[in-house]
Amino acid sequence: QGRVIRGIRISRYPAGTMLPAFIFTGTLHAREWASTMTTMWIADQFVENNTIDPRIAAVLDSAEVFVFPVQNPDGYEYTWATGGNRLWRKNRRLISGTTYGVDLNRNWGLGWGGSGSSGTTSSDTYRGTAAFSEPESVGMRDFVIAHPNLVGHIDFHSYSQLWLWPWSYTTTASPDQTALAAVGIPMQTAIKAINQKTYTAGPSGSTYGLTAGCIDDWTYGTQGMMAGTIEVRDTGTYGFVMPTSEILPNAKENFAASMTMMEKLLASSPITITLAPGSLVADNTASTVEVQTVPVVSTLITNGVRLKWNLDGGTTQSAVMTSIGSNKYRASLPAMACASQVSWFVEAETKFIITHAPLNKPTSFNLTATNSCRNPADLDGSGFVDAADIGYMLLDFGPCGDPANCIADLDHSGDVDSADVGLVLLEM
């Protein structure tokens, strides 16, 4: 029906800045209004409290947030419309006659067509004619692909009080089960801490049942995000029709889960710089950098610890840091000419995210510079070419005993002579 899927980007940085991003989505199923309000609350908290809540501020220092409260705008509109159906689930594609709708959470490409979806057009779980047959799925897919910096995703649904991570289309454990649980269990704990509500947590296929063609299997399995589905309150008393008194408590407990995911991922491979050059170094001398990083969520990828730098604002260059044991890594900044400055940082990459030091901010660098270039005629290093330098030269007048260290031989002739005196006079 052509309605637009609207989202909001929340960031301290200009669009296009390369930094980790999180995406929170809701209302893939039209009747699940509680997911709409949950995602709106997440957006509201980040917009309204980003300068006064230190946890929100810290996330936005290091990452950006995308929120899409309604992914099924046609179906959602139908649940509100006069003559509509409050409990409508699917989108509003006309299939034939009076049959409408594709289940948008069975229309994604990974595992499409499997158990938990239906090929019957009248079914509430009708999966469509093919993966990504629906414009809503295509639109969200294309947005995600266009943002390769996305590292975490929660798709909100209602109801059942569940926190489910991949896989959904199979009961086989994900290869990242340990990492998903390392973040997922603290999220479950964070939910309970707010209002003492217990959410069952675990892999979706074995915890809830098989549901093939789901959005979070795709965002995890093809895009490498840490992803999952939260089924918000309750467990059946109100079902899809959450009373208004439940909206805010529900939103707060699921915001706590969202914050926990972001904080855990952003701190998943903290970097400590253990050896570094100071702010001023000798010219034409390489400088050693050593760091220590101990991944706490997922393992480092091959060549995952890298030293990056740019010289005098030029192109960013990179060197893989060599493991030296005890989770420590070493690399060298290049030698610099006098009057140069290098901006440098270190990054550590796991499957899910790249962390950054110093400060884990995309705009944070260490700065190291060399001394300004000295005039070779300033023999005494005073900052001036003057009579004292003539006196210095006269002391060395004659053949150079050690040509490599004969600094008064300005023309490199092998002798300190009248030609060198002339060069000093030119620079006075």
Protein backbone atom coordinates (compact mmCIF):
# COMPACT_ATOMS: atom_id res chain seq x y z
CA GLN A 1 0.00 0.00 0.00
CA GLY A 2 3.05 2.22 -0.15
CA ARG A 3 3.41 3.44 3.40
CA VAL A 4 6.93 4.43 4.43
CA ILE A 5 8.96 2.56 7.05
CA ARG A 6 10.37 5.30 9.24
CA GLY A 7 13.38 5.13 11.51
CA ILE A 8 15.58 7.45 13.53
CA ARG A 9 19.38 7.66 13.72
CA ILE A 10 20.74 8.88 17.07
CA SER A 11 24.41 9.87 17.10
CA ARG A 12 26.92 12.47 18.21
CA TYR A 13 28.78 12.13 14.92
CA PRO A 14 28.09 13.10 11.30
CA ALA A 15 26.40 10.52 9.09
CA GLY A 16 28.99 8.26 7.53
CA THR A 17 31.34 8.25 10.53
CA MET A 18 32.66 4.72 10.91
CA LEU A 19 31.67 3.56 14.36
CA PRO A 20 29.71 0.61 15.74
CA ALA A 21 25.93 0.82 15.39
CA PHE A 22 22.97 -0.89 17.03
CA ILE A 23 19.51 -1.34 15.54
CA PHE A 24 16.26 -1.89 17.42
CA THR A 25 13.19 -2.89 15.44
CA GLY A 26 9.55 -3.44 16.25
CA THR A 27 6.07 -4.20 14.89
CA LEU A 28 7.06 -6.70 12.24
CA HIS A 29 3.74 -8.24 13.27
CA ALA A 30 1.02 -5.61 13.08
CA ARG A 31 -0.92 -6.47 16.24
CA GLU A 32 2.11 -6.35 18.54
CA TRP A 33 1.67 -2.77 19.70
CA ALA A 34 3.77 -3.34 22.82
CA SER A 35 6.83 -3.70 20.58
CA THR A 36 6.00 -0.33 19.03
CA MET A 37 6.00 1.36 22.40
CA THR A 38 9.15 -0.44 23.55
CA THR A 39 11.20 0.75 20.59
CA MET A 40 9.77 4.26 20.88
CA TRP A 41 10.87 4.32 24.52
CA ILE A 42 14.40 3.32 23.52
CA ALA A 43 14.52 6.19 21.02
CA ASP A 44 13.05 8.61 23.55
CA GLN A 45 15.63 7.73 26.20
CA PHE A 46 18.56 8.25 23.85
CA VAL A 47 17.20 11.54 22.51
CA GLU A 48 16.11 13.03 25.83
CA ASN A 49 18.79 11.77 28.23
CA ASN A 50 22.00 11.58 26.23
CA THR A 51 23.65 14.37 28.23
CA ILE A 52 22.32 13.53 31.70
CA ASP A 53 22.46 9.73 31.86
CA PRO A 54 26.12 8.65 31.99
CA ARG A 55 25.41 5.18 30.60
CA ILE A 56 23.56 6.55 27.58
CA ALA A 57 26.26 9.19 27.12
CA ALA A 58 28.97 6.53 27.16
CA VAL A 59 27.19 4.46 24.50
CA LEU A 60 26.78 7.47 22.23
CA ASP A 61 30.43 8.41 22.72
CA SER A 62 31.35 5.11 21.06
CA ALA A 63 28.40 4.10 18.87
CA GLU A 64 25.26 5.19 17.07
CA VAL A 65 21.72 3.87 17.45
CA PHE A 66 19.01 3.21 14.86
CA VAL A 67 15.39 2.62 15.87
CA PHE A 68 12.58 1.43 13.58
CA PRO A 69 9.41 1.22 15.69
CA VAL A 70 7.10 -0.02 12.89
CA GLN A 71 8.40 -2.31 10.16
CA ASN A 72 4.92 -3.27 8.97
CA PRO A 73 3.20 0.08 8.48
CA ASP A 74 0.34 -1.18 6.30
CA GLY A 75 -0.56 -3.95 8.70
CA TYR A 76 -0.15 -1.67 11.71
CA GLU A 77 -2.48 0.92 10.16
CA TYR A 78 -5.05 -1.83 9.57
CA THR A 79 -5.05 -2.73 13.29
CA TRP A 80 -6.11 0.85 14.04
CA ALA A 81 -8.53 1.41 11.15
CA THR A 82 -12.29 1.49 11.37
CA GLY A 83 -13.37 -1.78 9.84
CA GLY A 84 -9.88 -3.22 10.40
CA ASN A 85 -8.77 -5.97 12.73
CA ARG A 86 -6.97 -5.20 16.00
CA LEU A 87 -5.37 -8.67 15.98
CA TRP A 88 -4.15 -8.65 12.37
CA ARG A 89 -0.61 -10.10 12.16
CA LYS A 90 0.66 -10.02 8.57
CA ASN A 91 1.24 -7.25 6.04
CA ARG A 92 -1.58 -6.23 3.68
CA ARG A 93 -0.46 -7.75 0.38
CA LEU A 94 -3.51 -8.81 -1.64
CA ILE A 95 -2.97 -12.51 -2.38
CA SER A 96 -6.27 -13.18 -4.15
CA GLY A 97 -9.94 -12.46 -3.58
CA THR A 98 -10.31 -11.70 0.10
CA THR A 99 -7.00 -13.31 1.14
CA TYR A 100 -4.37 -10.87 2.35
CA GLY A 101 -1.00 -10.86 3.90
CA VAL A 102 2.46 -12.36 4.26
CA ASP A 103 4.07 -12.99 7.66
CA LEU A 104 7.05 -10.64 7.46
CA ASN A 105 8.92 -12.64 10.10
CA ARG A 106 8.88 -15.73 7.89
CA ASN A 107 10.01 -13.89 4.74
CA TRP A 108 13.75 -13.46 5.40
CA GLY A 109 16.33 -15.33 3.40
CA LEU A 110 18.20 -17.46 5.91
CA GLY A 111 16.26 -20.68 6.49
CA TRP A 112 13.29 -19.46 4.41
CA GLY A 113 10.67 -22.13 3.75
CA GLY A 114 11.49 -24.31 6.76
CA SER A 115 9.56 -25.45 9.80
CA GLY A 116 7.38 -22.95 11.59
CA SER A 117 6.35 -21.22 8.38
CA SER A 118 3.50 -22.05 6.06
CA GLY A 119 2.96 -22.20 2.33
CA THR A 120 -0.79 -21.79 2.81
CA THR A 121 -1.81 -18.27 1.88
CA SER A 122 -4.52 -18.00 4.54
CA SER A 123 -2.16 -19.00 7.35
CA ASP A 124 -0.96 -16.44 9.86
CA THR A 125 2.57 -17.72 9.19
CA TYR A 126 2.35 -17.63 5.38
CA ARG A 127 5.93 -17.08 4.26
CA GLY A 128 5.30 -15.57 0.80
CA THR A 129 6.22 -16.87 -2.62
CA ALA A 130 9.98 -16.48 -2.03
CA ALA A 131 12.44 -15.04 0.44
CA PHE A 132 12.22 -11.24 0.35
CA SER A 133 9.07 -11.28 -1.75
CA GLU A 134 7.72 -8.40 0.34
CA PRO A 135 8.68 -4.72 0.01
CA GLU A 136 8.93 -4.34 3.79
CA SER A 137 11.51 -7.14 4.04
CA VAL A 138 13.41 -5.79 1.06
CA GLY A 139 13.47 -2.27 2.49
CA MET A 140 14.80 -3.36 5.88
CA ARG A 141 17.27 -5.78 4.28
CA ASP A 142 18.67 -3.07 2.04
CA PHE A 143 19.01 -0.65 4.94
CA VAL A 144 20.99 -3.19 6.95
CA ILE A 145 23.25 -4.08 4.03
CA ALA A 146 23.92 -0.38 3.46
CA HIS A 147 25.13 -0.07 7.08
CA PRO A 148 27.92 -2.62 7.54
CA ASN A 149 28.84 -0.96 10.84
CA LEU A 150 25.77 -2.53 12.48
CA VAL A 151 26.93 -4.88 15.24
CA GLY A 152 23.87 -5.55 17.41
CA HIS A 153 20.15 -6.06 16.71
CA ILE A 154 17.08 -6.74 18.82
CA ASP A 155 13.74 -7.34 17.12
CA PHE A 156 10.90 -6.75 19.58
CA HIS A 157 7.68 -8.77 19.53
CA SER A 158 4.86 -9.59 21.90
CA TYR A 159 4.11 -11.58 23.88
CA SER A 160 5.52 -14.39 26.11
CA GLN A 161 8.43 -12.86 28.10
CA LEU A 162 11.21 -14.50 26.11
CA TRP A 163 14.71 -13.47 25.07
CA LEU A 164 15.63 -15.62 22.09
CA TRP A 165 18.86 -15.71 20.10
CA PRO A 166 19.76 -17.69 16.94
CA TRP A 167 19.09 -20.08 15.58
CA SER A 168 15.32 -19.93 15.00
CA TYR A 169 15.12 -22.21 11.95
CA THR A 170 16.96 -25.13 13.58
CA THR A 171 17.65 -26.59 17.00
CA THR A 172 21.33 -26.97 16.12
CA ALA A 173 23.41 -24.70 18.33
CA SER A 174 24.86 -21.58 16.76
CA PRO A 175 28.66 -21.59 16.40
CA ASP A 176 28.58 -18.48 18.59
CA GLN A 177 26.37 -19.95 21.30
CA THR A 178 28.92 -19.19 24.02
CA ALA A 179 29.25 -15.54 22.96
CA LEU A 180 25.48 -15.11 22.51
CA ALA A 181 24.86 -16.50 25.98
CA ALA A 182 27.67 -14.38 27.47
CA VAL A 183 25.65 -11.32 26.47
CA GLY A 184 22.18 -12.88 26.58
CA ILE A 185 22.17 -14.08 30.19
CA PRO A 186 23.20 -10.65 31.58
CA MET A 187 20.40 -9.16 29.46
CA GLN A 188 17.93 -11.55 31.08
CA THR A 189 19.28 -10.51 34.49
CA ALA A 190 18.97 -6.82 33.60
CA ILE A 191 15.30 -7.27 32.70
CA LYS A 192 14.51 -8.95 36.01
CA ALA A 193 16.35 -6.29 38.00
CA ILE A 194 13.86 -3.59 36.94
CA ASN A 195 10.47 -5.10 37.86
CA GLN A 196 11.29 -8.66 38.90
CA LYS A 197 9.82 -10.05 35.67
CA THR A 198 11.36 -13.33 34.55
CA TYR A 199 12.06 -13.75 30.84
CA THR A 200 13.06 -17.19 29.63
CA ALA A 201 16.31 -16.95 27.64
CA GLY A 202 18.02 -19.25 25.17
CA PRO A 203 18.40 -20.28 21.53
CA SER A 204 15.09 -19.70 19.79
CA GLY A 205 14.71 -23.05 18.04
CA SER A 206 15.15 -25.09 21.20
CA THR A 207 13.57 -22.60 23.63
CA TYR A 208 10.50 -21.42 21.72
CA GLY A 209 10.18 -23.72 18.72
CA LEU A 210 11.21 -23.65 15.07
CA THR A 211 10.39 -20.47 13.13
CA ALA A 212 12.13 -20.36 9.75
CA GLY A 213 12.76 -17.17 7.82
CA CYS A 214 13.09 -14.81 10.79
CA ILE A 215 14.77 -11.42 10.68
CA ASP A 216 17.25 -12.06 13.49
CA ASP A 217 18.56 -15.30 11.96
CA TRP A 218 19.33 -13.24 8.86
CA THR A 219 20.96 -10.27 10.64
CA TYR A 220 23.11 -12.68 12.64
CA GLY A 221 23.78 -15.35 10.04
CA THR A 222 24.47 -13.20 6.99
CA GLN A 223 25.49 -9.85 8.46
CA GLY A 224 27.45 -11.00 11.50
CA MET A 225 25.46 -9.07 14.09
CA MET A 226 24.78 -10.18 17.61
CA ALA A 227 21.03 -10.51 17.20
CA GLY A 228 17.91 -11.88 18.79
CA THR A 229 14.21 -11.48 19.47
CA ILE A 230 12.61 -10.26 22.67
CA GLU A 231 8.99 -11.26 23.21
CA VAL A 232 7.84 -8.66 25.72
CA ARG A 233 5.11 -8.93 28.37
CA ASP A 234 3.08 -10.80 29.34
CA THR A 235 2.59 -14.57 29.45
CA GLY A 236 -1.06 -14.64 28.47
CA THR A 237 -3.24 -12.63 30.84
CA TYR A 238 -3.49 -9.70 28.43
CA GLY A 239 -1.78 -11.17 25.39
CA PHE A 240 -1.49 -8.75 22.50
CA VAL A 241 -3.73 -6.14 24.14
CA MET A 242 -1.43 -4.74 26.80
CA PRO A 243 -3.17 -2.33 29.20
CA THR A 244 -1.74 1.16 29.38
CA SER A 245 -0.56 0.57 32.95
CA GLU A 246 1.86 -2.06 31.66
CA ILE A 247 3.41 -0.03 28.82
CA LEU A 248 6.00 1.94 30.77
CA PRO A 249 7.15 -0.85 33.12
CA ASN A 250 7.51 -3.12 30.10
CA ALA A 251 9.46 -0.52 28.17
CA LYS A 252 11.82 0.14 31.06
CA GLU A 253 12.77 -3.50 31.59
CA ASN A 254 13.44 -4.02 27.90
CA PHE A 255 15.43 -0.82 27.68
CA ALA A 256 17.62 -2.31 30.41
CA ALA A 257 18.20 -5.36 28.21
CA SER A 258 19.05 -3.16 25.24
CA MET A 259 21.56 -1.14 27.25
CA THR A 260 23.19 -4.32 28.50
CA MET A 261 23.67 -5.64 24.98
CA MET A 262 25.27 -2.40 23.85
CA GLU A 263 27.54 -2.08 26.87
CA LYS A 264 28.65 -5.72 26.72
CA LEU A 265 29.53 -5.50 23.03
CA LEU A 266 31.29 -2.15 23.34
CA ALA A 267 33.42 -3.59 26.15
CA SER A 268 33.85 -6.98 24.53
CA SER A 269 37.58 -6.60 23.83
CA PRO A 270 38.95 -3.78 26.00
CA ILE A 271 42.40 -2.52 25.01
CA THR A 272 45.05 -1.35 27.47
CA ILE A 273 48.02 0.50 25.98
CA THR A 274 51.01 -0.79 27.97
CA LEU A 275 53.89 0.84 26.05
CA ALA A 276 53.71 3.91 23.86
CA PRO A 277 55.84 6.82 22.68
CA GLY A 278 55.38 10.11 24.44
CA SER A 279 54.03 13.25 22.85
CA LEU A 280 57.52 14.16 21.57
CA VAL A 281 60.03 11.73 20.04
CA ALA A 282 63.33 11.93 18.21
CA ASP A 283 63.10 12.30 14.45
CA ASN A 284 64.07 9.46 12.12
CA THR A 285 63.45 6.89 14.87
CA ALA A 286 60.69 4.26 14.91
CA SER A 287 58.52 4.06 18.05
CA THR A 288 57.20 0.87 19.65
CA VAL A 289 53.57 0.46 20.74
CA GLU A 290 52.44 -2.44 22.91
CA VAL A 291 48.90 -3.24 24.04
CA GLN A 292 47.04 -5.91 25.94
CA THR A 293 43.52 -7.02 25.06
CA VAL A 294 41.55 -9.89 26.55
CA PRO A 295 38.28 -10.60 24.65
CA VAL A 296 35.40 -11.27 27.02
CA VAL A 297 32.55 -11.96 24.56
CA SER A 298 34.03 -13.47 21.41
CA THR A 299 37.48 -14.40 20.13
CA LEU A 300 39.72 -12.12 18.12
CA ILE A 301 39.74 -12.73 14.38
CA THR A 302 43.02 -13.56 12.64
CA ASN A 303 45.20 -10.42 12.50
CA GLY A 304 42.55 -8.77 14.62
CA VAL A 305 44.78 -6.37 16.62
CA ARG A 306 45.99 -3.50 14.47
CA LEU A 307 47.96 -0.29 14.91
CA LYS A 308 46.62 2.51 12.71
CA TRP A 309 48.09 5.93 12.05
CA ASN A 310 48.25 8.88 9.72
CA LEU A 311 51.27 11.11 9.24
CA ASP A 312 50.62 14.85 9.11
CA GLY A 313 46.94 14.28 8.32
CA GLY A 314 47.58 11.98 5.39
CA THR A 315 46.06 8.62 4.47
CA THR A 316 45.42 6.24 7.35
CA GLN A 317 47.85 3.31 7.35
CA SER A 318 47.68 0.04 9.24
CA ALA A 319 50.00 -2.63 10.63
CA VAL A 320 48.99 -5.94 12.18
CA MET A 321 50.31 -6.09 15.73
CA THR A 322 52.38 -9.19 16.53
CA SER A 323 51.41 -11.37 19.47
CA ILE A 324 54.12 -11.42 22.13
CA GLY A 325 52.26 -13.65 24.61
CA SER A 326 50.05 -13.00 27.64
CA ASN A 327 47.41 -11.36 25.39
CA LYS A 328 49.92 -8.65 24.47
CA TYR A 329 50.65 -7.32 21.01
CA ARG A 330 53.40 -5.14 19.55
CA ALA A 331 53.96 -2.99 16.45
CA SER A 332 55.97 0.09 15.52
CA LEU A 333 55.08 3.54 14.33
CA PRO A 334 57.30 4.58 11.42
CA ALA A 335 60.27 6.89 11.82
CA MET A 336 59.34 10.50 11.14
CA ALA A 337 61.25 13.43 9.79
CA CYS A 338 61.65 16.52 11.94
CA ALA A 339 58.59 18.75 12.38
CA SER A 340 56.17 15.84 11.79
CA GLN A 341 53.14 14.62 13.71
CA VAL A 342 51.52 11.19 13.72
CA SER A 343 47.96 10.50 14.94
CA TRP A 344 47.57 6.87 16.00
CA PHE A 345 45.22 4.41 17.65
CA VAL A 346 44.80 0.68 18.16
CA GLU A 347 41.81 -1.48 17.27
CA ALA A 348 40.85 -5.04 18.22
CA GLU A 349 38.36 -6.95 16.07
CA THR A 350 36.21 -9.88 17.14
CA LYS A 351 33.47 -11.47 15.05
CA PHE A 352 30.93 -8.96 16.29
CA ILE A 353 32.67 -5.62 16.82
CA ILE A 354 35.85 -3.56 16.54
CA THR A 355 36.94 -1.85 19.76
CA HIS A 356 39.25 1.14 19.78
CA ALA A 357 41.87 2.72 22.03
CA PRO A 358 42.28 5.32 23.33
CA LEU A 359 38.81 5.99 24.79
CA ASN A 360 36.91 3.70 22.37
CA LYS A 361 35.73 6.74 20.38
CA PRO A 362 35.96 7.08 16.60
CA THR A 363 37.54 10.51 16.94
CA SER A 364 40.11 9.63 19.62
CA PHE A 365 43.80 9.47 18.75
CA ASN A 366 47.13 9.62 20.48
CA LEU A 367 49.37 12.36 19.07
CA THR A 368 53.12 11.96 18.79
CA ALA A 369 55.38 14.62 17.22
CA THR A 370 59.03 15.26 16.49
CA ASN A 371 60.98 18.42 17.22
CA SER A 372 60.89 21.25 14.73
CA CYS A 373 63.61 21.10 12.11
CA ARG A 374 66.81 22.90 13.18
CA ASN A 375 68.68 25.18 10.82
CA PRO A 376 71.99 23.32 10.22
CA ALA A 377 73.84 26.68 10.51
CA ASP A 378 72.57 26.99 14.12
CA LEU A 379 75.54 25.00 15.36
CA ASP A 380 74.98 25.61 19.06
CA GLY A 381 71.20 24.88 18.91
CA SER A 382 70.25 28.26 20.36
CA GLY A 383 67.48 28.89 17.85
CA PHE A 384 69.47 31.70 16.22
CA VAL A 385 72.28 31.80 13.67
CA ASP A 386 74.64 34.37 15.19
CA ALA A 387 78.22 35.21 16.10
CA ALA A 388 78.33 32.30 18.55
CA ASP A 389 77.91 29.91 15.62
CA ILE A 390 80.82 31.62 13.78
CA GLY A 391 82.92 31.09 16.91
CA TYR A 392 81.84 27.44 17.07
CA MET A 393 82.86 27.00 13.43
CA LEU A 394 86.27 28.62 13.93
CA LEU A 395 87.02 26.15 16.72
CA ASP A 396 86.59 23.32 14.19
CA PHE A 397 88.31 25.07 11.30
CA GLY A 398 90.32 22.72 9.11
CA PRO A 399 89.99 19.10 8.01
CA CYS A 400 87.24 17.03 9.62
CA GLY A 401 88.63 14.30 11.85
CA ASP A 402 85.32 12.33 11.64
CA PRO A 403 83.37 13.48 8.58
CA ALA A 404 80.19 11.70 9.76
CA ASN A 405 80.09 13.84 12.91
CA CYS A 406 81.57 17.09 11.58
CA ILE A 407 78.48 19.30 11.94
CA ALA A 408 80.39 22.53 11.11
CA ASP A 409 81.17 21.15 7.64
CA LEU A 410 77.97 22.55 6.20
CA ASP A 411 78.82 21.85 2.57
CA HIS A 412 80.09 18.34 3.37
CA SER A 413 83.41 18.98 1.64
CA GLY A 414 85.44 17.21 4.33
CA ASP A 415 86.86 20.51 5.61
CA VAL A 416 85.53 23.32 7.75
CA ASP A 417 86.62 26.26 5.69
CA SER A 418 85.71 29.72 4.39
CA ALA A 419 82.88 28.24 2.29
CA ASP A 420 81.20 27.02 5.46
CA VAL A 421 81.69 30.42 7.10
CA GLY A 422 79.97 31.95 4.09
CA LEU A 423 76.98 29.62 4.54
CA VAL A 424 76.64 30.69 8.17
CA LEU A 425 76.78 34.37 7.19
CA LEU A 426 73.97 33.78 4.66
CA GLU A 427 71.75 32.36 7.41
CA MET A 428 72.45 34.95 10.09
